[in-house]
């Protein structure tokens, strides 16, 4: 079973660093998104669970990481 992870931090540089430096596969985890703060993270999590096409919280930095 793979755990889906959302990285939430108000600093974009910190979010990128976390995504880049953690060995997600080792812990059987997959980064599925991120957000600037807890409210955005909660909203993105709910939208993802509901199957929404709302990609406002899917970070562009994830592709650059």
Protein backbone atom coordinates (compact mmCIF):
# COMPACT_ATOMS: atom_id res chain seq x y z
CA UNK A 1 0.00 0.00 0.00
CA UNK A 2 1.34 3.43 -0.94
CA UNK A 3 0.58 6.46 1.23
CA UNK A 4 -0.28 9.67 -0.61
CA UNK A 5 1.36 12.78 0.82
CA UNK A 6 0.64 16.49 0.46
CA UNK A 7 3.50 18.80 1.44
CA UNK A 8 2.15 21.93 3.13
CA UNK A 9 4.40 24.85 4.07
CA UNK A 10 4.13 28.59 3.55
CA UNK A 11 7.65 28.72 2.06
CA UNK A 12 7.86 27.44 -1.52
CA UNK A 13 11.60 26.81 -1.17
CA UNK A 14 10.99 24.59 1.87
CA UNK A 15 8.27 22.61 0.07
CA UNK A 16 10.60 21.99 -2.86
CA UNK A 17 13.42 20.96 -0.53
CA UNK A 18 11.21 18.49 1.34
CA UNK A 19 9.99 16.92 -1.89
CA UNK A 20 13.51 16.72 -3.30
CA UNK A 21 15.35 15.35 -0.25
CA UNK A 22 13.00 12.74 1.19
CA UNK A 23 13.26 9.24 -0.28
CA UNK A 24 9.50 8.86 -0.71
CA UNK A 25 9.72 5.45 -2.37
CA UNK A 26 11.69 4.06 0.57
CA UNK A 27 8.77 4.86 2.86
CA UNK A 28 6.24 3.73 0.25
CA UNK A 29 4.86 7.24 -0.14
CA UNK A 30 3.96 9.37 -3.14
CA UNK A 31 3.77 13.18 -3.18
CA UNK A 32 0.46 14.03 -4.81
CA UNK A 33 0.40 17.78 -4.23
CA UNK A 34 1.19 20.67 -1.98
CA UNK A 35 -0.01 23.99 -0.74
CA UNK A 36 1.10 27.24 0.91
CA UNK A 37 -0.86 26.76 4.09
CA UNK A 38 -3.14 24.49 6.05
CA UNK A 39 -6.38 25.83 4.60
CA UNK A 40 -5.20 25.35 1.05
CA UNK A 41 -3.86 21.91 1.93
CA UNK A 42 -7.14 20.82 3.49
CA UNK A 43 -9.11 22.13 0.52
CA UNK A 44 -6.81 20.42 -1.97
CA UNK A 45 -7.02 17.16 -0.02
CA UNK A 46 -10.80 17.24 -0.03
CA UNK A 47 -10.91 18.07 -3.73
CA UNK A 48 -8.48 15.23 -4.53
CA UNK A 49 -10.55 12.75 -2.49
CA UNK A 50 -13.71 13.82 -4.28
CA UNK A 51 -12.05 13.34 -7.67
CA UNK A 52 -12.25 17.04 -8.49
CA UNK A 53 -10.36 18.49 -11.41
CA UNK A 54 -9.37 21.46 -9.24
CA UNK A 55 -5.61 21.76 -9.82
CA UNK A 56 -5.07 25.10 -8.07
CA UNK A 57 -3.10 23.35 -5.33
CA UNK A 58 -1.06 21.07 -7.58
CA UNK A 59 2.29 22.83 -7.48
CA UNK A 60 4.32 23.69 -10.54
CA UNK A 61 7.46 23.11 -8.44
CA UNK A 62 6.66 19.40 -8.25
CA UNK A 63 7.52 19.02 -11.93
CA UNK A 64 10.73 21.07 -11.48
CA UNK A 65 11.88 19.18 -8.38
